[in-house]
Amino acid sequence: MNISKTIIKTKELCQKLGISRMTLWRLRHENAFPVPVKIGRGKNIGWWEDEIRAWQEGRVRVLICRQKQ
């Protein structure tokens, strides 16, 4: 199993998921998104790529289950 230790920054993450920063903020504050990690000493944050991938796979499973109902 190849586990990625790559951090994805906010701008790249929003582009990758096709969502706005506001939607990302909303998901974070609804506790419906992986917790970000701090990058350096400033205010920069990012997300572990493998955690984002797992979150995406979970979302797909939920959508498939809803369609079957």
C-alpha atoms as a PDB file:
ATOM      1  CA  MET A   1       0.000   0.000   0.000  1.00  0.00           C
ATOM      2  CA  ASN A   2       1.447   3.346  -1.058  1.00  0.00           C
ATOM      3  CA  ILE A   3       0.524   6.018   1.493  1.00  0.00           C
ATOM      4  CA  SER A   4       1.045   9.585   0.330  1.00  0.00           C
ATOM      5  CA  LYS A   5       2.481  12.115   2.738  1.00  0.00           C
ATOM      6  CA  THR A   6       1.773  15.035   0.439  1.00  0.00           C
ATOM      7  CA  ILE A   7       0.088  18.152   1.799  1.00  0.00           C
ATOM      8  CA  ILE A   8      -2.429  19.912  -0.434  1.00  0.00           C
ATOM      9  CA  LYS A   9      -2.808  23.657   0.121  1.00  0.00           C
ATOM     10  CA  THR A  10      -6.199  25.375   0.187  1.00  0.00           C
ATOM     11  CA  LYS A  11      -6.183  26.814  -3.336  1.00  0.00           C
ATOM     12  CA  GLU A  12      -5.135  23.514  -4.934  1.00  0.00           C
ATOM     13  CA  LEU A  13      -7.645  21.583  -2.822  1.00  0.00           C
ATOM     14  CA  CYS A  14     -10.546  23.817  -3.868  1.00  0.00           C
ATOM     15  CA  GLN A  15      -9.553  23.432  -7.514  1.00  0.00           C
ATOM     16  CA  LYS A  16      -9.191  19.665  -7.171  1.00  0.00           C
ATOM     17  CA  LEU A  17     -12.614  19.288  -5.534  1.00  0.00           C
ATOM     18  CA  GLY A  18     -14.338  21.932  -7.646  1.00  0.00           C
ATOM     19  CA  ILE A  19     -15.554  23.886  -4.624  1.00  0.00           C
ATOM     20  CA  SER A  20     -15.164  27.448  -3.401  1.00  0.00           C
ATOM     21  CA  ARG A  21     -13.213  28.512  -0.330  1.00  0.00           C
ATOM     22  CA  MET A  22     -16.557  29.315   1.329  1.00  0.00           C
ATOM     23  CA  THR A  23     -17.825  25.771   0.731  1.00  0.00           C
ATOM     24  CA  LEU A  24     -14.574  24.409   2.150  1.00  0.00           C
ATOM     25  CA  TRP A  25     -14.970  26.668   5.186  1.00  0.00           C
ATOM     26  CA  ARG A  26     -18.574  25.484   5.638  1.00  0.00           C
ATOM     27  CA  LEU A  27     -17.605  21.806   5.432  1.00  0.00           C
ATOM     28  CA  ARG A  28     -14.827  22.338   7.982  1.00  0.00           C
ATOM     29  CA  HIS A  29     -17.121  24.100  10.428  1.00  0.00           C
ATOM     30  CA  GLU A  30     -19.798  21.424  10.052  1.00  0.00           C
ATOM     31  CA  ASN A  31     -17.137  18.860  11.004  1.00  0.00           C
ATOM     32  CA  ALA A  32     -17.805  17.215   7.641  1.00  0.00           C
ATOM     33  CA  PHE A  33     -14.231  17.448   6.369  1.00  0.00           C
ATOM     34  CA  PRO A  34     -10.779  16.252   7.463  1.00  0.00           C
ATOM     35  CA  VAL A  35      -8.924  18.464   9.918  1.00  0.00           C
ATOM     36  CA  PRO A  36      -6.241  20.646   8.302  1.00  0.00           C
ATOM     37  CA  VAL A  37      -2.615  20.729   9.384  1.00  0.00           C
ATOM     38  CA  LYS A  38      -0.592  23.889   9.946  1.00  0.00           C
ATOM     39  CA  ILE A  39       2.201  24.581   7.510  1.00  0.00           C
ATOM     40  CA  GLY A  40       5.125  26.449   9.029  1.00  0.00           C
ATOM     41  CA  ARG A  41       4.699  29.138  11.663  1.00  0.00           C
ATOM     42  CA  GLY A  42       2.184  31.330   9.852  1.00  0.00           C
ATOM     43  CA  LYS A  43      -1.509  30.952   9.155  1.00  0.00           C
ATOM     44  CA  ASN A  44      -1.017  28.587   6.214  1.00  0.00           C
ATOM     45  CA  ILE A  45      -2.851  25.292   6.368  1.00  0.00           C
ATOM     46  CA  GLY A  46      -3.133  22.238   4.190  1.00  0.00           C
ATOM     47  CA  TRP A  47      -4.560  18.735   4.148  1.00  0.00           C
ATOM     48  CA  TRP A  48      -2.933  15.337   3.896  1.00  0.00           C
ATOM     49  CA  GLU A  49      -3.623  14.014   0.406  1.00  0.00           C
ATOM     50  CA  ASP A  50      -4.426  10.516   1.661  1.00  0.00           C
ATOM     51  CA  GLU A  51      -7.028  11.899   4.115  1.00  0.00           C
ATOM     52  CA  ILE A  52      -8.692  13.862   1.294  1.00  0.00           C
ATOM     53  CA  ARG A  53      -8.744  10.753  -0.887  1.00  0.00           C
ATOM     54  CA  ALA A  54     -10.350   8.730   1.940  1.00  0.00           C
ATOM     55  CA  TRP A  55     -12.926  11.498   2.491  1.00  0.00           C
ATOM     56  CA  GLN A  56     -13.774  11.489  -1.240  1.00  0.00           C
ATOM     57  CA  GLU A  57     -14.190   7.701  -1.252  1.00  0.00           C
ATOM     58  CA  GLY A  58     -16.490   7.938   1.768  1.00  0.00           C
ATOM     59  CA  ARG A  59     -18.610  10.586   0.042  1.00  0.00           C
ATOM     60  CA  VAL A  60     -18.953   8.359  -3.027  1.00  0.00           C
ATOM     61  CA  ARG A  61     -20.101   5.439  -0.854  1.00  0.00           C
ATOM     62  CA  VAL A  62     -22.715   7.631   0.838  1.00  0.00           C
ATOM     63  CA  LEU A  63     -24.049   8.839  -2.517  1.00  0.00           C
ATOM     64  CA  ILE A  64     -24.245   5.285  -3.868  1.00  0.00           C
ATOM     65  CA  CYS A  65     -26.130   4.108  -0.767  1.00  0.00           C
ATOM     66  CA  ARG A  66     -28.595   6.998  -1.074  1.00  0.00           C
ATOM     67  CA  GLN A  67     -29.265   6.158  -4.716  1.00  0.00           C
ATOM     68  CA  LYS A  68     -30.054   2.527  -3.807  1.00  0.00           C
ATOM     69  CA  GLN A  69     -32.730   3.582  -1.306  1.00  0.00           C
END
